[in-house]
Amino acid sequence: MPDVLIKKCLFPAAGYGTRFLPATKSIPKEMIPVVNNPLIQYGVEEAMAAGIDSMAIITSAGKEALKNYFELNEKFEQQLADGKQLDQIRHIIETCNFSFAIQEEMKGLGHAILTGAQLIGDDPFAVILPDDLCYAPEQGVLSQMVDLYMKHQCSIVAIEEVPQEETNRYGIIAGDEIEPGLIRITDMVEKPDPAQAPSNLAIIGRYILTPDIFDIIRDTPPGRNDEIQITDALLTQVKQSGGVLGYKFNGRRFDCGTPPGFLEASNFYFENQLY
């Protein structure tokens, strides 16, 4: 297979954000700011740093704010005495192409990714879950994974060790380390009970997926919580090709899908002036 650059990134952002109610009744969770930039912007900037310029956002009814944010608003800017505060988002809008698809029903992460199939096409692509805010000062997590993809040309998931008692919150993998920090996956389970978990290596919200994953998802029956799980589809890919890698990334992840993790991220980014 010839080298293929990763030029598209999918952002599943259709969820209701129930942990942040009542704010998310009208504000998409992905638009709540970590200091003064909305959470999704950090993910887009991470994708841009990896050389990606096409952003596909999976959203749902009532989340028009996501689309509006990534559009120029000349009338609003003209009313500002000093528009320099918008230079950062203006650069993003002018540099990237944004496309959107509506996920009509919340049927799991696998279904959300499948909803973006027409936006992605037949090329390998990245996935960023905006809930997981990753800080990596030397090289972004997605950039690290793109470099690995250029070498191995297969699906890759970012992983990190979690406390054993928290395995029921994540997709958990098992496999063989083929080089430091890189594991060839042999098994994965969605949110296993700690006693049944094959390891404490959890998948976090960074993926690079080969396009055959779409057909696999189409054939994947509902799994845990009666949802179509990307973990189940990736396990099928493991069995078919043996070519799915888990990568212990260099960096720090903040779980902004929960209020404690969101506050931790906000404090860290404020104290280190990372906004």
Protein backbone atom coordinates (compact mmCIF):
# COMPACT_ATOMS: atom_id res chain seq x y z
CA MET A 1 0.00 0.00 0.00
CA PRO A 2 1.47 3.40 -0.92
CA ASP A 3 1.94 6.04 1.73
CA VAL A 4 -1.28 7.99 2.30
CA LEU A 5 -1.43 11.15 4.32
CA ILE A 6 -4.27 11.48 6.83
CA LYS A 7 -6.18 14.53 5.60
CA LYS A 8 -9.59 14.12 7.27
CA CYS A 9 -10.63 14.06 10.89
CA LEU A 10 -14.04 13.03 12.23
CA PHE A 11 -15.44 14.61 15.39
CA PRO A 12 -18.38 12.75 16.98
CA ALA A 13 -20.27 15.55 18.74
CA ALA A 14 -23.91 14.51 18.70
CA GLY A 15 -24.30 13.49 22.35
CA TYR A 16 -26.59 15.29 24.75
CA GLY A 17 -23.98 16.11 27.39
CA THR A 18 -26.23 15.02 30.25
CA ARG A 19 -23.44 15.31 32.84
CA PHE A 20 -23.42 19.06 32.20
CA LEU A 21 -27.14 19.72 32.46
CA PRO A 22 -28.79 22.17 32.68
CA ALA A 23 -26.17 24.14 30.69
CA THR A 24 -26.24 21.65 27.81
CA LYS A 25 -29.97 22.18 27.38
CA SER A 26 -29.00 25.01 25.03
CA ILE A 27 -25.19 24.96 24.81
CA PRO A 28 -23.45 21.99 23.14
CA LYS A 29 -21.04 20.42 25.59
CA GLU A 30 -18.31 20.74 22.96
CA MET A 31 -18.82 24.53 23.02
CA ILE A 32 -18.24 24.96 26.75
CA PRO A 33 -14.91 26.79 27.04
CA VAL A 34 -11.75 25.54 28.67
CA VAL A 35 -10.63 29.02 29.76
CA ASN A 36 -11.76 30.99 26.67
CA ASN A 37 -11.63 28.48 23.80
CA PRO A 38 -14.43 25.94 23.33
CA LEU A 39 -13.47 22.35 23.89
CA ILE A 40 -13.90 21.34 20.24
CA GLN A 41 -11.46 24.03 19.11
CA TYR A 42 -8.59 22.33 20.94
CA GLY A 43 -9.37 19.13 19.05
CA VAL A 44 -9.47 20.93 15.69
CA GLU A 45 -6.14 22.60 16.45
CA GLU A 46 -4.62 19.22 17.34
CA ALA A 47 -5.82 17.84 14.00
CA MET A 48 -4.40 20.85 12.16
CA ALA A 49 -1.03 20.33 13.84
CA ALA A 50 -1.10 16.79 12.42
CA GLY A 51 -1.44 18.17 8.88
CA ILE A 52 -5.21 17.67 8.61
CA ASP A 53 -7.31 20.34 6.93
CA SER A 54 -10.70 18.63 6.47
CA MET A 55 -12.87 18.45 9.57
CA ALA A 56 -16.07 16.37 9.56
CA ILE A 57 -18.32 17.02 12.54
CA ILE A 58 -21.13 14.64 13.52
CA THR A 59 -23.79 16.60 15.32
CA SER A 60 -27.48 16.41 16.20
CA ALA A 61 -30.58 18.58 16.15
CA GLY A 62 -30.29 21.61 18.39
CA LYS A 63 -26.51 21.87 18.11
CA GLU A 64 -26.40 24.59 15.45
CA ALA A 65 -23.89 26.49 17.59
CA LEU A 66 -21.16 24.09 16.44
CA LYS A 67 -21.73 24.95 12.79
CA ASN A 68 -22.09 28.65 13.53
CA TYR A 69 -18.80 28.71 15.40
CA PHE A 70 -16.86 27.50 12.38
CA GLU A 71 -18.34 30.12 10.05
CA LEU A 72 -17.18 33.71 9.57
CA ASN A 73 -19.45 36.37 11.07
CA GLU A 74 -18.38 39.62 9.50
CA LYS A 75 -21.26 41.60 11.01
CA PHE A 76 -20.26 40.55 14.51
CA GLU A 77 -16.58 41.28 13.90
CA GLN A 78 -17.35 44.75 12.56
CA GLN A 79 -19.03 45.61 15.85
CA LEU A 80 -15.89 44.87 17.86
CA ALA A 81 -13.53 47.71 18.71
CA ASP A 82 -10.65 45.22 18.60
CA GLY A 83 -11.13 41.95 16.72
CA LYS A 84 -7.74 40.46 17.56
CA GLN A 85 -9.37 38.06 19.99
CA LEU A 86 -10.90 36.33 16.96
CA ASP A 87 -7.65 35.93 15.01
CA GLN A 88 -7.22 32.35 16.20
CA ILE A 89 -10.66 31.09 15.16
CA ARG A 90 -10.55 33.16 11.95
CA HIS A 91 -7.30 31.39 10.99
CA ILE A 92 -8.94 28.01 11.63
CA ILE A 93 -11.97 28.87 9.50
CA GLU A 94 -9.85 30.19 6.63
CA THR A 95 -7.45 27.21 6.72
CA CYS A 96 -9.81 24.28 7.11
CA ASN A 97 -12.81 22.83 5.32
CA PHE A 98 -15.71 21.96 7.64
CA SER A 99 -18.51 19.54 6.81
CA PHE A 100 -21.38 18.36 8.99
CA ALA A 101 -23.70 15.38 9.25
CA ILE A 102 -26.65 14.80 11.57
CA GLN A 103 -26.81 11.67 13.71
CA GLU A 104 -30.57 11.19 13.95
CA GLU A 105 -30.42 8.67 16.80
CA MET A 106 -27.82 8.13 19.52
CA LYS A 107 -26.81 4.53 18.80
CA GLY A 108 -23.23 4.52 20.05
CA LEU A 109 -19.82 5.67 18.89
CA GLY A 110 -19.67 3.11 16.10
CA HIS A 111 -22.92 4.46 14.68
CA ALA A 112 -21.66 8.05 15.00
CA ILE A 113 -18.55 7.19 13.01
CA LEU A 114 -20.63 5.39 10.39
CA THR A 115 -22.79 8.53 10.07
CA GLY A 116 -19.70 10.29 8.75
CA ALA A 117 -18.93 7.75 6.02
CA GLN A 118 -20.05 10.00 3.17
CA LEU A 119 -18.02 12.89 4.56
CA ILE A 120 -14.88 10.75 4.79
CA GLY A 121 -14.99 8.66 1.61
CA ASP A 122 -12.48 5.90 0.91
CA ASP A 123 -9.40 7.27 2.66
CA PRO A 124 -7.91 6.49 6.07
CA PHE A 125 -8.99 9.09 8.60
CA ALA A 126 -8.56 10.28 12.15
CA VAL A 127 -11.17 10.45 14.89
CA ILE A 128 -11.02 12.87 17.82
CA LEU A 129 -13.50 12.68 20.67
CA PRO A 130 -13.72 16.29 21.92
CA ASP A 131 -14.38 15.04 25.47
CA ASP A 132 -10.76 13.90 25.69
CA LEU A 133 -8.52 16.97 25.79
CA CYS A 134 -4.92 15.94 25.25
CA TYR A 135 -1.90 18.05 26.13
CA ALA A 136 1.40 17.07 24.55
CA PRO A 137 3.87 19.98 24.42
CA GLU A 138 6.44 18.53 22.01
CA GLN A 139 4.17 16.81 19.49
CA GLY A 140 0.41 16.46 19.57
CA VAL A 141 -1.07 13.04 20.22
CA LEU A 142 -2.67 12.85 16.79
CA SER A 143 0.59 13.91 15.15
CA GLN A 144 2.34 11.06 16.95
CA MET A 145 -0.28 8.64 15.63
CA VAL A 146 -0.08 9.95 12.05
CA ASP A 147 3.66 9.25 12.12
CA LEU A 148 2.92 5.70 13.26
CA TYR A 149 0.32 5.25 10.55
CA MET A 150 2.83 6.22 7.88
CA LYS A 151 5.02 3.38 9.12
CA HIS A 152 2.44 0.66 9.82
CA GLN A 153 -0.50 1.53 7.52
CA CYS A 154 -3.22 0.13 9.80
CA SER A 155 -5.81 1.24 12.32
CA ILE A 156 -4.37 2.69 15.53
CA VAL A 157 -6.03 3.54 18.85
CA ALA A 158 -4.53 5.67 21.58
CA ILE A 159 -4.35 3.88 24.93
CA GLU A 160 -3.37 4.63 28.50
CA GLU A 161 -3.29 2.74 31.77
CA VAL A 162 -6.25 3.33 34.05
CA PRO A 163 -6.99 2.09 37.58
CA GLN A 164 -8.33 -1.46 37.42
CA GLU A 165 -11.55 -0.42 39.12
CA GLU A 166 -12.27 2.01 36.25
CA THR A 167 -12.12 -0.48 33.37
CA ASN A 168 -15.92 -0.45 33.19
CA ARG A 169 -15.73 3.09 31.80
CA TYR A 170 -13.61 2.30 28.73
CA GLY A 171 -12.88 -0.01 25.87
CA ILE A 172 -10.05 -2.22 27.17
CA ILE A 173 -7.42 -3.91 25.00
CA ALA A 174 -4.99 -6.78 25.34
CA GLY A 175 -2.09 -7.68 23.07
CA ASP A 176 1.63 -8.04 22.51
CA GLU A 177 4.11 -5.19 22.72
CA ILE A 178 6.00 -5.08 19.42
CA GLU A 179 8.10 -2.06 20.34
CA PRO A 180 8.14 0.28 23.35
CA GLY A 181 4.70 1.77 23.80
CA LEU A 182 3.20 0.03 20.75
CA ILE A 183 0.94 -3.01 21.15
CA ARG A 184 -0.44 -5.31 18.48
CA ILE A 185 -3.96 -5.86 19.75
CA THR A 186 -5.30 -9.38 20.10
CA ASP A 187 -8.45 -8.66 22.10
CA MET A 188 -10.63 -5.75 23.17
CA VAL A 189 -13.77 -5.49 25.27
CA GLU A 190 -16.17 -2.60 25.74
CA LYS A 191 -16.48 -1.47 29.37
CA PRO A 192 -15.72 -4.80 31.07
CA ASP A 193 -16.23 -5.34 34.76
CA PRO A 194 -12.85 -5.02 36.51
CA ALA A 195 -12.76 -8.74 37.32
CA GLN A 196 -13.21 -9.67 33.64
CA ALA A 197 -11.03 -6.97 32.07
CA PRO A 198 -8.18 -8.39 29.93
CA SER A 199 -5.86 -5.58 31.11
CA ASN A 200 -6.01 -2.02 32.41
CA LEU A 201 -5.09 -0.50 29.03
CA ALA A 202 -7.96 1.78 28.05
CA ILE A 203 -8.77 3.24 24.64
CA ILE A 204 -9.07 7.02 24.78
CA GLY A 205 -10.54 9.41 22.25
CA ARG A 206 -7.93 9.35 19.50
CA TYR A 207 -8.14 6.92 16.56
CA ILE A 208 -6.76 6.47 13.09
CA LEU A 209 -9.01 4.15 11.12
CA THR A 210 -8.72 2.53 7.71
CA PRO A 211 -11.82 2.96 5.51
CA ASP A 212 -12.83 -0.70 5.60
CA ILE A 213 -14.05 0.04 9.13
CA PHE A 214 -17.27 1.45 7.64
CA ASP A 215 -18.34 -1.89 6.14
CA ILE A 216 -17.37 -3.64 9.36
CA ILE A 217 -19.52 -1.25 11.39
CA ARG A 218 -22.47 -1.85 9.04
CA ASP A 219 -22.25 -5.55 9.88
CA THR A 220 -21.69 -5.03 13.61
CA PRO A 221 -24.74 -5.82 15.76
CA PRO A 222 -25.59 -3.71 18.80
CA GLY A 223 -23.43 -4.59 21.77
CA ARG A 224 -23.10 -3.17 25.27
CA ASN A 225 -25.97 -0.84 26.20
CA ASP A 226 -27.64 -1.98 22.96
CA GLU A 227 -25.38 0.41 21.03
CA ILE A 228 -23.12 -0.12 18.02
CA GLN A 229 -19.69 -0.04 19.61
CA ILE A 230 -16.55 0.92 17.69
CA THR A 231 -14.70 -1.45 20.04
CA ASP A 232 -16.68 -4.39 18.65
CA ALA A 233 -16.01 -3.30 15.07
CA LEU A 234 -12.29 -2.93 15.76
CA LEU A 235 -12.19 -6.41 17.29
CA THR A 236 -13.62 -7.74 14.03
CA GLN A 237 -10.89 -5.86 12.19
CA VAL A 238 -8.32 -7.47 14.48
CA LYS A 239 -9.68 -10.92 13.64
CA GLN A 240 -9.80 -10.21 9.91
CA SER A 241 -6.40 -8.59 9.49
CA GLY A 242 -4.52 -8.69 12.79
CA GLY A 243 -3.55 -5.13 12.01
CA VAL A 244 -4.84 -2.90 14.80
CA LEU A 245 -2.32 -1.23 17.08
CA GLY A 246 -2.62 0.33 20.51
CA TYR A 247 -0.34 3.28 21.16
CA LYS A 248 0.71 4.51 24.61
CA PHE A 249 0.89 8.14 23.63
CA ASN A 250 3.21 10.77 25.03
CA GLY A 251 1.12 13.41 26.75
CA ARG A 252 -1.59 14.01 29.30
CA ARG A 253 -5.30 13.39 28.85
CA PHE A 254 -8.08 15.27 30.60
CA ASP A 255 -11.49 13.59 30.73
CA CYS A 256 -13.63 16.63 30.00
CA GLY A 257 -16.73 14.47 29.72
CA THR A 258 -17.13 14.81 33.49
CA PRO A 259 -17.24 18.01 35.57
CA PRO A 260 -14.18 17.05 37.71
CA GLY A 261 -12.07 16.35 34.62
CA PHE A 262 -13.31 19.52 32.95
CA LEU A 263 -12.37 21.62 35.98
CA GLU A 264 -8.96 19.94 36.15
CA ALA A 265 -8.33 20.80 32.50
CA SER A 266 -9.50 24.37 32.93
CA ASN A 267 -7.21 24.94 35.91
CA PHE A 268 -4.25 23.36 34.14
CA TYR A 269 -4.72 25.35 30.93
CA PHE A 270 -5.23 28.59 32.86
CA GLU A 271 -2.23 28.13 35.14
CA ASN A 272 0.01 27.24 32.19
CA GLN A 273 -1.44 29.91 29.87
CA LEU A 274 -2.34 27.34 27.22
CA TYR A 275 -5.26 29.25 25.71
